[in-house]
Amino acid sequence: MKTILVFVAVVAIAIAQQPSTRVLPADVLRDFPGVCFASTSCKTHKVGEKWSLAPFCGISECIKGDDGKLLEKVSDCGPLPKPNNKCKLSPKTNLNATFPDCCPKFDCEPGVKLEF
């Protein structure tokens, strides 16, 4: 029975940790064309540079699209699961760690799956 409980908890944790990546138009300041502006750090970044999204859990990268426009590739923890009183935030969660280790982890009762 303990083996099943551990297996279910590990499966739930693995589902919660799947990083999400999306590409958005980059913020570009008119006085600094050709570089991406990171509002989380108030710094500019050249194409290919990455930066932390702290205080959020994630990283971004300045990239150039096929059309030459600057884009920001954002990688983060993805959406939080729907509230479920049978799943609790795990004490193993370390919100101060670097991405992706800062993503929330959940411990769920046997047979319970996280829903997103």
PDB file of N, CA and C in Angstrom:
ATOM      1  N   MET A   1       0.828  -1.193   0.000  1.00  0.00           N
ATOM      2  CA  MET A   1       0.000   0.000   0.000  1.00  0.00           C
ATOM      3  C   MET A   1       0.870   1.254   0.000  1.00  0.00           C
ATOM      4  N   LYS A   2       1.981   1.225   0.765  1.00  0.00           N
ATOM      5  CA  LYS A   2       2.872   2.383   0.796  1.00  0.00           C
ATOM      6  C   LYS A   2       3.485   2.632  -0.580  1.00  0.00           C
ATOM      7  N   THR A   3       3.780   1.551  -1.309  1.00  0.00           N
ATOM      8  CA  THR A   3       4.349   1.699  -2.644  1.00  0.00           C
ATOM      9  C   THR A   3       3.384   2.428  -3.562  1.00  0.00           C
ATOM     10  N   ILE A   4       2.113   2.093  -3.495  1.00  0.00           N
ATOM     11  CA  ILE A   4       1.105   2.751  -4.326  1.00  0.00           C
ATOM     12  C   ILE A   4       0.995   4.220  -3.943  1.00  0.00           C
ATOM     13  N   LEU A   5       0.999   4.517  -2.658  1.00  0.00           N
ATOM     14  CA  LEU A   5       0.911   5.903  -2.193  1.00  0.00           C
ATOM     15  C   LEU A   5       2.092   6.722  -2.708  1.00  0.00           C
ATOM     16  N   VAL A   6       3.289   6.173  -2.602  1.00  0.00           N
ATOM     17  CA  VAL A   6       4.478   6.872  -3.083  1.00  0.00           C
ATOM     18  C   VAL A   6       4.391   7.074  -4.589  1.00  0.00           C
ATOM     19  N   PHE A   7       3.963   6.055  -5.339  1.00  0.00           N
ATOM     20  CA  PHE A   7       3.839   6.159  -6.791  1.00  0.00           C
ATOM     21  C   PHE A   7       2.862   7.255  -7.177  1.00  0.00           C
ATOM     22  N   VAL A   8       1.704   7.300  -6.535  1.00  0.00           N
ATOM     23  CA  VAL A   8       0.694   8.318  -6.842  1.00  0.00           C
ATOM     24  C   VAL A   8       1.235   9.707  -6.528  1.00  0.00           C
ATOM     25  N   ALA A   9       1.920   9.860  -5.407  1.00  0.00           N
ATOM     26  CA  ALA A   9       2.474  11.168  -5.047  1.00  0.00           C
ATOM     27  C   ALA A   9       3.529  11.607  -6.054  1.00  0.00           C
ATOM     28  N   VAL A  10       4.376  10.681  -6.499  1.00  0.00           N
ATOM     29  CA  VAL A  10       5.407  11.013  -7.482  1.00  0.00           C
ATOM     30  C   VAL A  10       4.777  11.412  -8.810  1.00  0.00           C
ATOM     31  N   VAL A  11       3.740  10.711  -9.246  1.00  0.00           N
ATOM     32  CA  VAL A  11       3.053  11.058 -10.490  1.00  0.00           C
ATOM     33  C   VAL A  11       2.445  12.445 -10.380  1.00  0.00           C
ATOM     34  N   ALA A  12       1.813  12.760  -9.272  1.00  0.00           N
ATOM     35  CA  ALA A  12       1.212  14.083  -9.087  1.00  0.00           C
ATOM     36  C   ALA A  12       2.279  15.164  -9.110  1.00  0.00           C
ATOM     37  N   ILE A  13       3.406  14.915  -8.476  1.00  0.00           N
ATOM     38  CA  ILE A  13       4.483  15.895  -8.470  1.00  0.00           C
ATOM     39  C   ILE A  13       5.012  16.099  -9.882  1.00  0.00           C
ATOM     40  N   ALA A  14       5.213  15.038 -10.642  1.00  0.00           N
ATOM     41  CA  ALA A  14       5.735  15.161 -11.998  1.00  0.00           C
ATOM     42  C   ALA A  14       4.802  15.990 -12.868  1.00  0.00           C
ATOM     43  N   ILE A  15       3.507  15.835 -12.697  1.00  0.00           N
ATOM     44  CA  ILE A  15       2.551  16.611 -13.481  1.00  0.00           C
ATOM     45  C   ILE A  15       2.654  18.083 -13.121  1.00  0.00           C
ATOM     46  N   ALA A  16       2.839  18.391 -11.877  1.00  0.00           N
ATOM     47  CA  ALA A  16       2.889  19.781 -11.430  1.00  0.00           C
ATOM     48  C   ALA A  16       4.158  20.488 -11.886  1.00  0.00           C
ATOM     49  N   GLN A  17       5.200  19.745 -12.205  1.00  0.00           N
ATOM     50  CA  GLN A  17       6.482  20.358 -12.512  1.00  0.00           C
ATOM     51  C   GLN A  17       6.710  20.604 -13.992  1.00  0.00           C
ATOM     52  N   GLN A  18       5.776  20.315 -14.860  1.00  0.00           N
ATOM     53  CA  GLN A  18       6.001  20.484 -16.282  1.00  0.00           C
ATOM     54  C   GLN A  18       6.137  21.957 -16.643  1.00  0.00           C
ATOM     55  N   PRO A  19       7.335  22.388 -17.031  1.00  0.00           N
ATOM     56  CA  PRO A  19       7.507  23.788 -17.415  1.00  0.00           C
ATOM     57  C   PRO A  19       6.709  24.123 -18.670  1.00  0.00           C
ATOM     58  N   SER A  20       6.386  25.380 -18.783  1.00  0.00           N
ATOM     59  CA  SER A  20       5.627  25.890 -19.915  1.00  0.00           C
ATOM     60  C   SER A  20       6.492  26.926 -20.630  1.00  0.00           C
ATOM     61  N   THR A  21       6.496  26.901 -21.958  1.00  0.00           N
ATOM     62  CA  THR A  21       7.256  27.880 -22.732  1.00  0.00           C
ATOM     63  C   THR A  21       6.337  28.534 -23.741  1.00  0.00           C
ATOM     64  N   ARG A  22       6.454  29.856 -23.851  1.00  0.00           N
ATOM     65  CA  ARG A  22       5.675  30.597 -24.839  1.00  0.00           C
ATOM     66  C   ARG A  22       6.534  31.734 -25.370  1.00  0.00           C
ATOM     67  N   VAL A  23       6.199  32.201 -26.562  1.00  0.00           N
ATOM     68  CA  VAL A  23       6.950  33.279 -27.195  1.00  0.00           C
ATOM     69  C   VAL A  23       6.034  34.485 -27.329  1.00  0.00           C
ATOM     70  N   LEU A  24       6.526  35.634 -26.848  1.00  0.00           N
ATOM     71  CA  LEU A  24       5.755  36.876 -26.844  1.00  0.00           C
ATOM     72  C   LEU A  24       6.552  37.976 -27.537  1.00  0.00           C
ATOM     73  N   PRO A  25       5.874  39.001 -28.042  1.00  0.00           N
ATOM     74  CA  PRO A  25       6.625  40.157 -28.548  1.00  0.00           C
ATOM     75  C   PRO A  25       7.451  40.748 -27.402  1.00  0.00           C
ATOM     76  N   ALA A  26       8.703  41.049 -27.672  1.00  0.00           N
ATOM     77  CA  ALA A  26       9.580  41.590 -26.630  1.00  0.00           C
ATOM     78  C   ALA A  26       9.263  43.053 -26.368  1.00  0.00           C
ATOM     79  N   ASP A  27       9.477  43.464 -25.123  1.00  0.00           N
ATOM     80  CA  ASP A  27       9.429  44.887 -24.796  1.00  0.00           C
ATOM     81  C   ASP A  27      10.722  45.503 -25.325  1.00  0.00           C
ATOM     82  N   VAL A  28      10.590  46.581 -26.083  1.00  0.00           N
ATOM     83  CA  VAL A  28      11.753  47.269 -26.642  1.00  0.00           C
ATOM     84  C   VAL A  28      11.600  48.756 -26.340  1.00  0.00           C
ATOM     85  N   LEU A  29      12.635  49.342 -25.770  1.00  0.00           N
ATOM     86  CA  LEU A  29      12.617  50.771 -25.471  1.00  0.00           C
ATOM     87  C   LEU A  29      13.091  51.555 -26.689  1.00  0.00           C
ATOM     88  N   ARG A  30      12.440  52.674 -26.982  1.00  0.00           N
ATOM     89  CA  ARG A  30      12.793  53.438 -28.191  1.00  0.00           C
ATOM     90  C   ARG A  30      14.229  53.947 -28.150  1.00  0.00           C
ATOM     91  N   ASP A  31      14.765  54.174 -26.961  1.00  0.00           N
ATOM     92  CA  ASP A  31      16.149  54.636 -26.847  1.00  0.00           C
ATOM     93  C   ASP A  31      17.169  53.494 -26.925  1.00  0.00           C
ATOM     94  N   PHE A  32      16.685  52.253 -26.926  1.00  0.00           N
ATOM     95  CA  PHE A  32      17.566  51.087 -26.986  1.00  0.00           C
ATOM     96  C   PHE A  32      17.040  50.081 -28.011  1.00  0.00           C
ATOM     97  N   PRO A  33      16.993  50.457 -29.290  1.00  0.00           N
ATOM     98  CA  PRO A  33      16.491  49.527 -30.304  1.00  0.00           C
ATOM     99  C   PRO A  33      17.456  48.348 -30.471  1.00  0.00           C
ATOM    100  N   GLY A  34      16.913  47.216 -30.856  1.00  0.00           N
ATOM    101  CA  GLY A  34      17.749  46.049 -31.114  1.00  0.00           C
ATOM    102  C   GLY A  34      18.043  45.188 -29.909  1.00  0.00           C
ATOM    103  N   VAL A  35      17.503  45.560 -28.744  1.00  0.00           N
ATOM    104  CA  VAL A  35      17.681  44.739 -27.543  1.00  0.00           C
ATOM    105  C   VAL A  35      16.342  44.603 -26.824  1.00  0.00           C
ATOM    106  N   CYS A  36      16.189  43.524 -26.096  1.00  0.00           N
ATOM    107  CA  CYS A  36      14.961  43.280 -25.331  1.00  0.00           C
ATOM    108  C   CYS A  36      15.070  43.973 -23.974  1.00  0.00           C
ATOM    109  N   PHE A  37      13.966  44.484 -23.487  1.00  0.00           N
ATOM    110  CA  PHE A  37      13.925  45.105 -22.165  1.00  0.00           C
ATOM    111  C   PHE A  37      13.248  44.155 -21.192  1.00  0.00           C
ATOM    112  N   ALA A  38      13.924  43.885 -20.078  1.00  0.00           N
ATOM    113  CA  ALA A  38      13.386  43.006 -19.035  1.00  0.00           C
ATOM    114  C   ALA A  38      12.814  43.867 -17.919  1.00  0.00           C
ATOM    115  N   SER A  39      11.505  43.914 -17.823  1.00  0.00           N
ATOM    116  CA  SER A  39      10.872  44.759 -16.801  1.00  0.00           C
ATOM    117  C   SER A  39      11.099  44.228 -15.389  1.00  0.00           C
ATOM    118  N   THR A  40      11.345  42.923 -15.240  1.00  0.00           N
ATOM    119  CA  THR A  40      11.566  42.369 -13.903  1.00  0.00           C
ATOM    120  C   THR A  40      12.901  42.815 -13.314  1.00  0.00           C
ATOM    121  N   SER A  41      13.856  43.167 -14.172  1.00  0.00           N
ATOM    122  CA  SER A  41      15.165  43.597 -13.675  1.00  0.00           C
ATOM    123  C   SER A  41      15.547  45.003 -14.135  1.00  0.00           C
ATOM    124  N   CYS A  42      14.703  45.618 -14.961  1.00  0.00           N
ATOM    125  CA  CYS A  42      14.976  46.959 -15.523  1.00  0.00           C
ATOM    126  C   CYS A  42      16.315  46.994 -16.256  1.00  0.00           C
ATOM    127  N   LYS A  43      16.584  45.952 -17.045  1.00  0.00           N
ATOM    128  CA  LYS A  43      17.820  45.860 -17.825  1.00  0.00           C
ATOM    129  C   LYS A  43      17.484  45.502 -19.264  1.00  0.00           C
ATOM    130  N   THR A  44      18.424  45.805 -20.163  1.00  0.00           N
ATOM    131  CA  THR A  44      18.280  45.382 -21.555  1.00  0.00           C
ATOM    132  C   THR A  44      19.144  44.149 -21.783  1.00  0.00           C
ATOM    133  N   HIS A  45      18.716  43.323 -22.753  1.00  0.00           N
ATOM    134  CA  HIS A  45      19.429  42.081 -23.052  1.00  0.00           C
ATOM    135  C   HIS A  45      19.555  41.909 -24.557  1.00  0.00           C
ATOM    136  N   LYS A  46      20.742  41.474 -24.989  1.00  0.00           N
ATOM    137  CA  LYS A  46      21.001  41.215 -26.403  1.00  0.00           C
ATOM    138  C   LYS A  46      20.353  39.899 -26.806  1.00  0.00           C
ATOM    139  N   VAL A  47      20.174  39.723 -28.121  1.00  0.00           N
ATOM    140  CA  VAL A  47      19.637  38.466 -28.645  1.00  0.00           C
ATOM    141  C   VAL A  47      20.520  37.317 -28.156  1.00  0.00           C
ATOM    142  N   GLY A  48      19.883  36.273 -27.636  1.00  0.00           N
ATOM    143  CA  GLY A  48      20.589  35.109 -27.114  1.00  0.00           C
ATOM    144  C   GLY A  48      20.824  35.149 -25.613  1.00  0.00           C
ATOM    145  N   GLU A  49      20.662  36.308 -24.996  1.00  0.00           N
ATOM    146  CA  GLU A  49      20.853  36.400 -23.549  1.00  0.00           C
ATOM    147  C   GLU A  49      19.600  35.937 -22.809  1.00  0.00           C
ATOM    148  N   LYS A  50      19.824  35.313 -21.651  1.00  0.00           N
ATOM    149  CA  LYS A  50      18.730  34.852 -20.786  1.00  0.00           C
ATOM    150  C   LYS A  50      18.783  35.616 -19.473  1.00  0.00           C
ATOM    151  N   TRP A  51      17.614  35.714 -18.815  1.00  0.00           N
ATOM    152  CA  TRP A  51      17.558  36.379 -17.514  1.00  0.00           C
ATOM    153  C   TRP A  51      16.464  35.756 -16.656  1.00  0.00           C
ATOM    154  N   SER A  52      16.649  35.892 -15.361  1.00  0.00           N
ATOM    155  CA  SER A  52      15.683  35.381 -14.388  1.00  0.00           C
ATOM    156  C   SER A  52      14.452  36.275 -14.351  1.00  0.00           C
ATOM    157  N   LEU A  53      13.311  35.681 -14.074  1.00  0.00           N
ATOM    158  CA  LEU A  53      12.071  36.435 -13.915  1.00  0.00           C
ATOM    159  C   LEU A  53      11.762  36.699 -12.441  1.00  0.00           C
ATOM    160  N   ALA A  54      12.751  36.502 -11.566  1.00  0.00           N
ATOM    161  CA  ALA A  54      12.553  36.743 -10.131  1.00  0.00           C
ATOM    162  C   ALA A  54      11.935  38.122  -9.924  1.00  0.00           C
ATOM    163  N   PRO A  55      10.948  38.209  -9.081  1.00  0.00           N
ATOM    164  CA  PRO A  55      10.526  37.316  -8.011  1.00  0.00           C
ATOM    165  C   PRO A  55       9.594  36.185  -8.457  1.00  0.00           C
ATOM    166  N   PHE A  56       9.374  36.045  -9.752  1.00  0.00           N
ATOM    167  CA  PHE A  56       8.556  34.948 -10.272  1.00  0.00           C
ATOM    168  C   PHE A  56       9.470  33.773 -10.588  1.00  0.00           C
ATOM    169  N   CYS A  57       8.903  32.591 -10.725  1.00  0.00           N
ATOM    170  CA  CYS A  57       9.682  31.396 -11.022  1.00  0.00           C
ATOM    171  C   CYS A  57       9.720  31.199 -12.535  1.00  0.00           C
ATOM    172  N   GLY A  58      10.822  31.580 -13.156  1.00  0.00           N
ATOM    173  CA  GLY A  58      10.941  31.418 -14.595  1.00  0.00           C
ATOM    174  C   GLY A  58      12.172  32.105 -15.142  1.00  0.00           C
ATOM    175  N   ILE A  59      12.398  31.894 -16.442  1.00  0.00           N
ATOM    176  CA  ILE A  59      13.482  32.558 -17.154  1.00  0.00           C
ATOM    177  C   ILE A  59      12.954  33.035 -18.500  1.00  0.00           C
ATOM    178  N   SER A  60      13.610  34.048 -19.032  1.00  0.00           N
ATOM    179  CA  SER A  60      13.282  34.546 -20.368  1.00  0.00           C
ATOM    180  C   SER A  60      14.548  34.597 -21.197  1.00  0.00           C
ATOM    181  N   GLU A  61      14.349  34.573 -22.516  1.00  0.00           N
ATOM    182  CA  GLU A  61      15.462  34.695 -23.452  1.00  0.00           C
ATOM    183  C   GLU A  61      15.055  35.647 -24.557  1.00  0.00           C
ATOM    184  N   CYS A  62      15.958  36.533 -24.928  1.00  0.00           N
ATOM    185  CA  CYS A  62      15.727  37.458 -26.035  1.00  0.00           C
ATOM    186  C   CYS A  62      16.061  36.716 -27.330  1.00  0.00           C
ATOM    187  N   ILE A  63      15.099  36.617 -28.228  1.00  0.00           N
ATOM    188  CA  ILE A  63      15.313  35.936 -29.507  1.00  0.00           C
ATOM    189  C   ILE A  63      14.814  36.826 -30.643  1.00  0.00           C
ATOM    190  N   LYS A  64      15.254  36.517 -31.850  1.00  0.00           N
ATOM    191  CA  LYS A  64      14.812  37.267 -33.021  1.00  0.00           C
ATOM    192  C   LYS A  64      13.935  36.351 -33.858  1.00  0.00           C
ATOM    193  N   GLY A  65      12.743  36.839 -34.230  1.00  0.00           N
ATOM    194  CA  GLY A  65      11.823  36.069 -35.046  1.00  0.00           C
ATOM    195  C   GLY A  65      12.264  36.024 -36.500  1.00  0.00           C
ATOM    196  N   ASP A  66      11.611  35.179 -37.289  1.00  0.00           N
ATOM    197  CA  ASP A  66      11.922  35.054 -38.712  1.00  0.00           C
ATOM    198  C   ASP A  66      11.764  36.377 -39.447  1.00  0.00           C
ATOM    199  N   ASP A  67      10.875  37.223 -38.952  1.00  0.00           N
ATOM    200  CA  ASP A  67      10.635  38.523 -39.584  1.00  0.00           C
ATOM    201  C   ASP A  67      11.576  39.609 -39.064  1.00  0.00           C
ATOM    202  N   GLY A  68      12.512  39.239 -38.190  1.00  0.00           N
ATOM    203  CA  GLY A  68      13.481  40.194 -37.669  1.00  0.00           C
ATOM    204  C   GLY A  68      13.047  40.909 -36.408  1.00  0.00           C
ATOM    205  N   LYS A  69      11.803  40.718 -35.989  1.00  0.00           N
ATOM    206  CA  LYS A  69      11.317  41.385 -34.773  1.00  0.00           C
ATOM    207  C   LYS A  69      11.837  40.656 -33.538  1.00  0.00           C
ATOM    208  N   LEU A  70      12.047  41.427 -32.480  1.00  0.00           N
ATOM    209  CA  LEU A  70      12.519  40.840 -31.230  1.00  0.00           C
ATOM    210  C   LEU A  70      11.369  40.170 -30.489  1.00  0.00           C
ATOM    211  N   LEU A  71      11.673  39.005 -29.936  1.00  0.00           N
ATOM    212  CA  LEU A  71      10.694  38.218 -29.191  1.00  0.00           C
ATOM    213  C   LEU A  71      11.295  37.830 -27.846  1.00  0.00           C
ATOM    214  N   GLU A  72      10.416  37.532 -26.904  1.00  0.00           N
ATOM    215  CA  GLU A  72      10.842  37.053 -25.591  1.00  0.00           C
ATOM    216  C   GLU A  72      10.302  35.641 -25.407  1.00  0.00           C
ATOM    217  N   LYS A  73      11.228  34.684 -25.261  1.00  0.00           N
ATOM    218  CA  LYS A  73      10.833  33.295 -25.004  1.00  0.00           C
ATOM    219  C   LYS A  73      10.785  33.115 -23.493  1.00  0.00           C
ATOM    220  N   VAL A  74       9.574  32.938 -22.973  1.00  0.00           N
ATOM    221  CA  VAL A  74       9.347  32.845 -21.532  1.00  0.00           C
ATOM    222  C   VAL A  74       9.147  31.379 -21.145  1.00  0.00           C
ATOM    223  N   SER A  75       9.919  30.916 -20.192  1.00  0.00           N
ATOM    224  CA  SER A  75       9.754  29.571 -19.634  1.00  0.00           C
ATOM    225  C   SER A  75       9.436  29.723 -18.154  1.00  0.00           C
ATOM    226  N   ASP A  76       8.307  29.139 -17.740  1.00  0.00           N
ATOM    227  CA  ASP A  76       7.915  29.206 -16.328  1.00  0.00           C
ATOM    228  C   ASP A  76       7.218  27.915 -15.932  1.00  0.00           C
ATOM    229  N   CYS A  77       6.607  27.908 -14.763  1.00  0.00           N
ATOM    230  CA  CYS A  77       5.989  26.692 -14.222  1.00  0.00           C
ATOM    231  C   CYS A  77       4.653  26.355 -14.868  1.00  0.00           C
ATOM    232  N   GLY A  78       4.121  27.233 -15.672  1.00  0.00           N
ATOM    233  CA  GLY A  78       2.811  26.997 -16.265  1.00  0.00           C
ATOM    234  C   GLY A  78       1.708  27.320 -15.274  1.00  0.00           C
ATOM    235  N   PRO A  79       0.481  27.028 -15.660  1.00  0.00           N
ATOM    236  CA  PRO A  79      -0.649  27.381 -14.790  1.00  0.00           C
ATOM    237  C   PRO A  79      -0.677  26.529 -13.521  1.00  0.00           C
ATOM    238  N   LEU A  80      -1.178  27.119 -12.455  1.00  0.00           N
ATOM    239  CA  LEU A  80      -1.366  26.364 -11.214  1.00  0.00           C
ATOM    240  C   LEU A  80      -2.555  25.428 -11.378  1.00  0.00           C
ATOM    241  N   PRO A  81      -2.547  24.303 -10.678  1.00  0.00           N
ATOM    242  CA  PRO A  81      -3.699  23.406 -10.760  1.00  0.00           C
ATOM    243  C   PRO A  81      -4.926  24.028 -10.100  1.00  0.00           C
ATOM    244  N   LYS A  82      -6.086  23.501 -10.462  1.00  0.00           N
ATOM    245  CA  LYS A  82      -7.329  23.948  -9.830  1.00  0.00           C
ATOM    246  C   LYS A  82      -7.271  23.598  -8.346  1.00  0.00           C
ATOM    247  N   PRO A  83      -7.873  24.430  -7.487  1.00  0.00           N
ATOM    248  CA  PRO A  83      -7.872  24.126  -6.050  1.00  0.00           C
ATOM    249  C   PRO A  83      -8.468  22.741  -5.778  1.00  0.00           C
ATOM    250  N   ASN A  84      -7.830  22.007  -4.893  1.00  0.00           N
ATOM    251  CA  ASN A  84      -8.273  20.658  -4.559  1.00  0.00           C
ATOM    252  C   ASN A  84      -7.867  20.399  -3.107  1.00  0.00           C
ATOM    253  N   ASN A  85      -8.855  20.200  -2.231  1.00  0.00           N
ATOM    254  CA  ASN A  85      -8.540  20.011  -0.811  1.00  0.00           C
ATOM    255  C   ASN A  85      -7.865  18.670  -0.524  1.00  0.00           C
ATOM    256  N   LYS A  86      -7.725  17.809  -1.540  1.00  0.00           N
ATOM    257  CA  LYS A  86      -7.041  16.533  -1.355  1.00  0.00           C
ATOM    258  C   LYS A  86      -5.591  16.593  -1.827  1.00  0.00           C
ATOM    259  N   CYS A  87      -5.167  17.765  -2.282  1.00  0.00           N
ATOM    260  CA  CYS A  87      -3.776  17.991  -2.688  1.00  0.00           C
ATOM    261  C   CYS A  87      -3.257  19.218  -1.951  1.00  0.00           C
ATOM    262  N   LYS A  88      -2.109  19.075  -1.355  1.00  0.00           N
ATOM    263  CA  LYS A  88      -1.502  20.166  -0.586  1.00  0.00           C
ATOM    264  C   LYS A  88      -0.142  20.508  -1.185  1.00  0.00           C
ATOM    265  N   LEU A  89       0.251  21.766  -1.030  1.00  0.00           N
ATOM    266  CA  LEU A  89       1.576  22.188  -1.456  1.00  0.00           C
ATOM    267  C   LEU A  89       2.605  21.418  -0.636  1.00  0.00           C
ATOM    268  N   SER A  90       3.538  20.789  -1.309  1.00  0.00           N
ATOM    269  CA  SER A  90       4.537  19.961  -0.641  1.00  0.00           C
ATOM    270  C   SER A  90       5.556  20.815   0.108  1.00  0.00           C
ATOM    271  N   PRO A  91       6.003  20.342   1.273  1.00  0.00           N
ATOM    272  CA  PRO A  91       7.075  21.054   1.975  1.00  0.00           C
ATOM    273  C   PRO A  91       8.388  21.016   1.183  1.00  0.00           C
ATOM    274  N   LYS A  92       8.463  20.175   0.146  1.00  0.00           N
ATOM    275  CA  LYS A  92       9.651  20.109  -0.710  1.00  0.00           C
ATOM    276  C   LYS A  92       9.724  21.293  -1.672  1.00  0.00           C
ATOM    277  N   THR A  93       8.645  22.072  -1.764  1.00  0.00           N
ATOM    278  CA  THR A  93       8.634  23.237  -2.646  1.00  0.00           C
ATOM    279  C   THR A  93       9.609  24.283  -2.116  1.00  0.00           C
ATOM    280  N   ASN A  94      10.485  24.760  -2.992  1.00  0.00           N
ATOM    281  CA  ASN A  94      11.454  25.796  -2.615  1.00  0.00           C
ATOM    282  C   ASN A  94      11.284  26.969  -3.578  1.00  0.00           C
ATOM    283  N   LEU A  95      10.462  27.931  -3.189  1.00  0.00           N
ATOM    284  CA  LEU A  95      10.161  29.064  -4.055  1.00  0.00           C
ATOM    285  C   LEU A  95      11.366  29.975  -4.272  1.00  0.00           C
ATOM    286  N   ASN A  96      12.430  29.803  -3.496  1.00  0.00           N
ATOM    287  CA  ASN A  96      13.634  30.623  -3.648  1.00  0.00           C
ATOM    288  C   ASN A  96      14.681  29.972  -4.544  1.00  0.00           C
ATOM    289  N   ALA A  97      14.430  28.757  -4.998  1.00  0.00           N
ATOM    290  CA  ALA A  97      15.373  28.059  -5.873  1.00  0.00           C
ATOM    291  C   ALA A  97      15.334  28.681  -7.272  1.00  0.00           C
ATOM    292  N   THR A  98      16.283  28.291  -8.110  1.00  0.00           N
ATOM    293  CA  THR A  98      16.281  28.763  -9.492  1.00  0.00           C
ATOM    294  C   THR A  98      15.339  27.899 -10.324  1.00  0.00           C
ATOM    295  N   PHE A  99      14.899  28.433 -11.448  1.00  0.00           N
ATOM    296  CA  PHE A  99      13.989  27.719 -12.340  1.00  0.00           C
ATOM    297  C   PHE A  99      14.701  26.511 -12.934  1.00  0.00           C
ATOM    298  N   PRO A 100      14.082  25.352 -13.025  1.00  0.00           N
ATOM    299  CA  PRO A 100      12.691  25.018 -12.725  1.00  0.00           C
ATOM    300  C   PRO A 100      12.471  24.467 -11.316  1.00  0.00           C
ATOM    301  N   ASP A 101      13.536  24.468 -10.494  1.00  0.00           N
ATOM    302  CA  ASP A 101      13.419  23.894  -9.147  1.00  0.00           C
ATOM    303  C   ASP A 101      12.492  24.687  -8.230  1.00  0.00           C
ATOM    304  N   CYS A 102      12.161  25.927  -8.610  1.00  0.00           N
ATOM    305  CA  CYS A 102      11.266  26.755  -7.792  1.00  0.00           C
ATOM    306  C   CYS A 102       9.788  26.472  -8.073  1.00  0.00           C
ATOM    307  N   CYS A 103       9.493  25.654  -9.076  1.00  0.00           N
ATOM    308  CA  CYS A 103       8.090  25.352  -9.399  1.00  0.00           C
ATOM    309  C   CYS A 103       7.428  24.605  -8.239  1.00  0.00           C
ATOM    310  N   PRO A 104       6.156  24.902  -7.979  1.00  0.00           N
ATOM    311  CA  PRO A 104       5.470  24.249  -6.861  1.00  0.00           C
ATOM    312  C   PRO A 104       5.317  22.750  -7.071  1.00  0.00           C
ATOM    313  N   LYS A 105       5.413  22.029  -5.976  1.00  0.00           N
ATOM    314  CA  LYS A 105       5.219  20.575  -5.963  1.00  0.00           C
ATOM    315  C   LYS A 105       4.044  20.289  -5.039  1.00  0.00           C
ATOM    316  N   PHE A 106       3.279  19.267  -5.364  1.00  0.00           N
ATOM    317  CA  PHE A 106       2.077  18.959  -4.597  1.00  0.00           C
ATOM    318  C   PHE A 106       2.084  17.518  -4.129  1.00  0.00           C
ATOM    319  N   ASP A 107       1.578  17.302  -2.917  1.00  0.00           N
ATOM    320  CA  ASP A 107       1.344  15.966  -2.375  1.00  0.00           C
ATOM    321  C   ASP A 107      -0.159  15.746  -2.378  1.00  0.00           C
ATOM    322  N   CYS A 108      -0.605  14.670  -3.041  1.00  0.00           N
ATOM    323  CA  CYS A 108      -2.037  14.380  -3.156  1.00  0.00           C
ATOM    324  C   CYS A 108      -2.367  13.055  -2.485  1.00  0.00           C
ATOM    325  N   GLU A 109      -3.603  12.940  -2.039  1.00  0.00           N
ATOM    326  CA  GLU A 109      -4.076  11.678  -1.476  1.00  0.00           C
ATOM    327  C   GLU A 109      -4.087  10.623  -2.579  1.00  0.00           C
ATOM    328  N   PRO A 110      -3.990   9.338  -2.203  1.00  0.00           N
ATOM    329  CA  PRO A 110      -3.979   8.264  -3.198  1.00  0.00           C
ATOM    330  C   PRO A 110      -5.178   8.353  -4.147  1.00  0.00           C
ATOM    331  N   GLY A 111      -4.901   8.192  -5.437  1.00  0.00           N
ATOM    332  CA  GLY A 111      -5.954   8.185  -6.448  1.00  0.00           C
ATOM    333  C   GLY A 111      -6.388   9.558  -6.922  1.00  0.00           C
ATOM    334  N   VAL A 112      -5.867  10.611  -6.327  1.00  0.00           N
ATOM    335  CA  VAL A 112      -6.264  11.973  -6.692  1.00  0.00           C
ATOM    336  C   VAL A 112      -5.264  12.532  -7.698  1.00  0.00           C
ATOM    337  N   LYS A 113      -5.781  13.122  -8.761  1.00  0.00           N
ATOM    338  CA  LYS A 113      -4.929  13.728  -9.784  1.00  0.00           C
ATOM    339  C   LYS A 113      -5.163  15.228  -9.810  1.00  0.00           C
ATOM    340  N   LEU A 114      -4.101  15.964 -10.063  1.00  0.00           N
ATOM    341  CA  LEU A 114      -4.225  17.409 -10.210  1.00  0.00           C
ATOM    342  C   LEU A 114      -4.928  17.727 -11.521  1.00  0.00           C
ATOM    343  N   GLU A 115      -5.786  18.736 -11.483  1.00  0.00           N
ATOM    344  CA  GLU A 115      -6.471  19.201 -12.688  1.00  0.00           C
ATOM    345  C   GLU A 115      -6.013  20.618 -12.977  1.00  0.00           C
ATOM    346  N   PHE A 116      -5.821  20.888 -14.264  1.00  0.00           N
ATOM    347  CA  PHE A 116      -5.358  22.218 -14.663  1.00  0.00           C
ATOM    348  C   PHE A 116      -6.407  22.919 -15.490  1.00  0.00           C
TER     349      PHE A 116
END
